[in-house]
Protein backbone atom coordinates (compact mmCIF):
# COMPACT_ATOMS: atom_id res chain seq x y z
CA UNK A 1 76.65 52.81 47.42
CA UNK A 2 75.82 52.98 43.65
CA UNK A 3 72.25 51.98 42.77
CA UNK A 4 71.52 51.15 39.15
CA UNK A 5 68.35 51.54 37.53
CA UNK A 6 66.95 49.42 34.99
CA UNK A 7 64.27 50.59 32.33
CA UNK A 8 61.09 48.69 32.73
CA UNK A 9 61.47 47.16 29.31
CA UNK A 10 64.78 45.61 30.39
CA UNK A 11 63.13 44.63 33.74
CA UNK A 12 60.25 43.00 31.94
CA UNK A 13 62.61 41.16 29.44
CA UNK A 14 64.61 39.85 32.42
CA UNK A 15 61.71 38.61 34.20
CA UNK A 16 60.05 37.20 31.33
CA UNK A 17 62.95 35.31 30.06
CA UNK A 18 63.68 33.80 33.63
CA UNK A 19 60.07 32.95 34.41
CA UNK A 20 58.32 30.31 32.12
CA UNK A 21 55.03 30.94 34.22
CA UNK A 22 54.31 33.67 31.70
CA UNK A 23 54.71 31.71 28.51
CA UNK A 24 51.77 30.05 26.73
CA UNK A 25 50.61 26.69 28.04
CA UNK A 26 52.00 23.51 26.09
CA UNK A 27 48.72 22.02 24.41
CA UNK A 28 48.18 18.10 24.09
CA UNK A 29 48.69 18.55 20.21
CA UNK A 30 51.97 20.31 21.03
CA UNK A 31 53.13 17.27 22.98
CA UNK A 32 51.64 15.04 20.49
CA UNK A 33 53.70 16.63 17.46
CA UNK A 34 56.85 16.74 19.70
CA UNK A 35 56.65 12.98 20.48
CA UNK A 36 55.91 12.29 16.87
CA UNK A 37 58.73 14.12 15.75
CA UNK A 38 61.17 12.67 18.35
CA UNK A 39 60.21 8.73 17.88
CA UNK A 40 59.08 8.97 14.35
CA UNK A 41 55.79 8.27 12.55
CA UNK A 42 56.11 4.74 12.18
CA UNK A 43 56.33 3.87 15.75
CA UNK A 44 53.90 6.95 16.88
CA UNK A 45 51.31 5.52 14.68
CA UNK A 46 51.88 1.71 15.26
CA UNK A 47 48.83 -0.34 16.49
CA UNK A 48 50.71 -1.19 19.72
CA UNK A 49 51.90 2.28 20.61
CA UNK A 50 50.28 2.96 23.98
CA UNK A 51 47.45 0.32 24.01
CA UNK A 52 44.21 0.96 25.77
CA UNK A 53 40.82 2.35 24.82
CA UNK A 54 40.97 5.79 23.61
CA UNK A 55 37.91 7.96 22.98
CA UNK A 56 38.02 10.54 20.31
CA UNK A 57 34.96 13.05 20.80
CA UNK A 58 34.09 15.13 17.78
CA UNK A 59 31.52 18.16 18.00
CA UNK A 60 30.27 19.94 14.94
CA UNK A 61 28.60 23.34 14.56
CA UNK A 62 27.31 23.76 11.18
CA UNK A 63 27.08 26.96 9.00
CA UNK A 64 23.66 28.50 8.82
CA UNK A 65 23.21 27.50 5.26
CA UNK A 66 23.84 23.77 5.73
CA UNK A 67 20.68 21.94 4.79
CA UNK A 68 19.13 18.95 6.68
CA UNK A 69 20.12 16.66 3.76
CA UNK A 70 23.89 17.87 4.06
CA UNK A 71 23.91 16.93 7.65
CA UNK A 72 22.59 13.68 6.90
CA UNK A 73 25.44 13.32 4.23
CA UNK A 74 28.00 14.49 7.02
CA UNK A 75 26.41 11.81 9.43
CA UNK A 76 26.41 8.95 6.92
CA UNK A 77 30.31 9.66 5.76
CA UNK A 78 31.50 9.90 9.26
CA UNK A 79 29.69 6.53 9.97
CA UNK A 80 31.21 5.00 7.07
CA UNK A 81 34.90 5.68 8.15
CA UNK A 82 34.48 2.78 10.65
CA UNK A 83 34.62 0.42 7.39
CA UNK A 84 36.52 2.91 5.15
CA UNK A 85 39.44 3.41 7.76
CA UNK A 86 41.92 0.67 6.92
CA UNK A 87 45.73 0.05 7.66
CA UNK A 88 47.36 -2.94 6.02
CA UNK A 89 43.77 -3.77 4.67
CA UNK A 90 42.25 -4.18 8.15
CA UNK A 91 39.63 -2.08 10.02
CA UNK A 92 41.03 -0.29 13.24
CA UNK A 93 37.99 1.83 14.52
CA UNK A 94 36.48 -0.05 17.16
CA UNK A 95 33.16 1.82 16.74
CA UNK A 96 31.62 5.18 15.85
CA UNK A 97 28.46 6.57 17.71
CA UNK A 98 26.59 9.60 16.84
CA UNK A 99 23.64 11.79 18.01
CA UNK A 100 22.32 15.30 18.07
CA UNK A 101 22.89 17.75 20.90
CA UNK A 102 19.73 17.43 23.31
CA UNK A 103 21.03 18.88 26.33
CA UNK A 104 18.95 21.43 28.20
CA UNK A 105 21.72 22.81 30.53
CA UNK A 106 22.33 25.51 28.02
CA UNK A 107 26.11 25.31 27.72
CA UNK A 108 26.41 23.56 24.25
CA UNK A 109 27.92 26.66 22.42
CA UNK A 110 25.44 25.78 19.59
CA UNK A 111 27.19 22.59 18.74
CA UNK A 112 24.84 20.38 16.92
CA UNK A 113 26.06 16.87 16.19
CA UNK A 114 28.47 14.79 18.36
CA UNK A 115 30.53 11.75 17.18
CA UNK A 116 32.52 9.36 19.56
CA UNK A 117 35.15 7.36 17.71
CA UNK A 118 36.75 4.45 19.80
CA UNK A 119 40.29 3.09 19.27
CA UNK A 120 42.35 0.15 20.79
CA UNK A 121 45.40 2.39 21.20
CA UNK A 122 46.88 5.88 20.77
CA UNK A 123 48.82 4.62 17.73
CA UNK A 124 45.58 3.88 15.99
CA UNK A 125 44.24 7.31 16.89
CA UNK A 126 47.31 9.01 15.92
CA UNK A 127 47.17 7.20 12.39
CA UNK A 128 43.37 8.39 12.26
CA UNK A 129 44.11 12.03 13.53
CA UNK A 130 46.76 12.35 10.73
CA UNK A 131 48.18 15.58 9.44
CA UNK A 132 47.29 17.37 12.40
CA UNK A 133 50.05 15.58 14.27
CA UNK A 134 51.85 13.41 11.88
CA UNK A 135 54.00 14.75 8.86
CA UNK A 136 54.73 11.53 7.06
CA UNK A 137 51.81 10.79 4.42
CA UNK A 138 52.74 6.97 4.73
CA UNK A 139 51.23 6.90 8.45
CA UNK A 140 48.06 9.03 7.76
CA UNK A 141 44.62 7.55 7.08
CA UNK A 142 43.68 8.81 3.49
CA UNK A 143 39.88 8.00 4.13
CA UNK A 144 39.77 10.13 7.29
CA UNK A 145 41.82 12.91 5.53
CA UNK A 146 39.25 13.04 2.69
CA UNK A 147 36.46 13.37 5.12
CA UNK A 148 38.03 16.37 6.86
CA UNK A 149 38.28 18.02 3.28
CA UNK A 150 34.65 17.33 2.63
CA UNK A 151 33.31 18.52 5.85
CA UNK A 152 35.45 21.56 6.63
CA UNK A 153 33.35 24.07 4.48
CA UNK A 154 29.98 22.95 6.06
CA UNK A 155 31.37 24.05 9.59
CA UNK A 156 30.91 27.21 11.38
CA UNK A 157 33.64 29.28 12.31
CA UNK A 158 32.84 31.11 15.58
CA UNK A 159 33.49 27.74 17.52
CA UNK A 160 36.83 27.71 16.31
CA UNK A 161 38.69 28.21 12.94
CA UNK A 162 37.41 25.04 11.60
CA UNK A 163 33.94 24.99 13.48
CA UNK A 164 34.77 21.66 15.19
CA UNK A 165 35.58 20.83 18.82
CA UNK A 166 37.50 17.53 19.46
CA UNK A 167 38.47 16.13 22.76
CA UNK A 168 40.37 12.72 23.28
CA UNK A 169 40.98 10.69 26.54
CA UNK A 170 42.20 7.32 27.49
CA UNK A 171 39.43 5.36 29.23
CA UNK A 172 40.36 5.05 32.91
CA UNK A 173 37.17 3.34 34.14
CA UNK A 174 35.82 1.11 31.33
CA UNK A 175 32.25 -0.12 31.39
């Protein structure tokens, strides 16, 4: 009986190529980009694409050099997006709420300002999010895109490369 020995490198290559458990997890943004590519930006950003309330939570941590006046400007510009964000001339953002971090739990990761943006569909949210998941400029909200350019340099990097945490969900149990 002949026994063949495989090198450790060969064995690891075989195991890793056959077992996807070791691969990086697919993120929500990966899935959204894949869907946008598969069905096209027009359908992916349509008002009636996956209707239902969507909450888009955005949390900011500012750099140490950002002044209170600059923070107020960020807040004012973000809140103005409710009126500035339009498609075919009509507003599509249902609401924008904001507030400063005030939890005493000690797990805020030094995030300072929160915003909750509400949409009527995933399509509206996709149009708003824009370049992060949509490639075709015709299906990206220019007002939100400009806001992201404005706020980027004011955000702290250690939270993540852009100093912002975003979490979206479809409302399962509305008020």
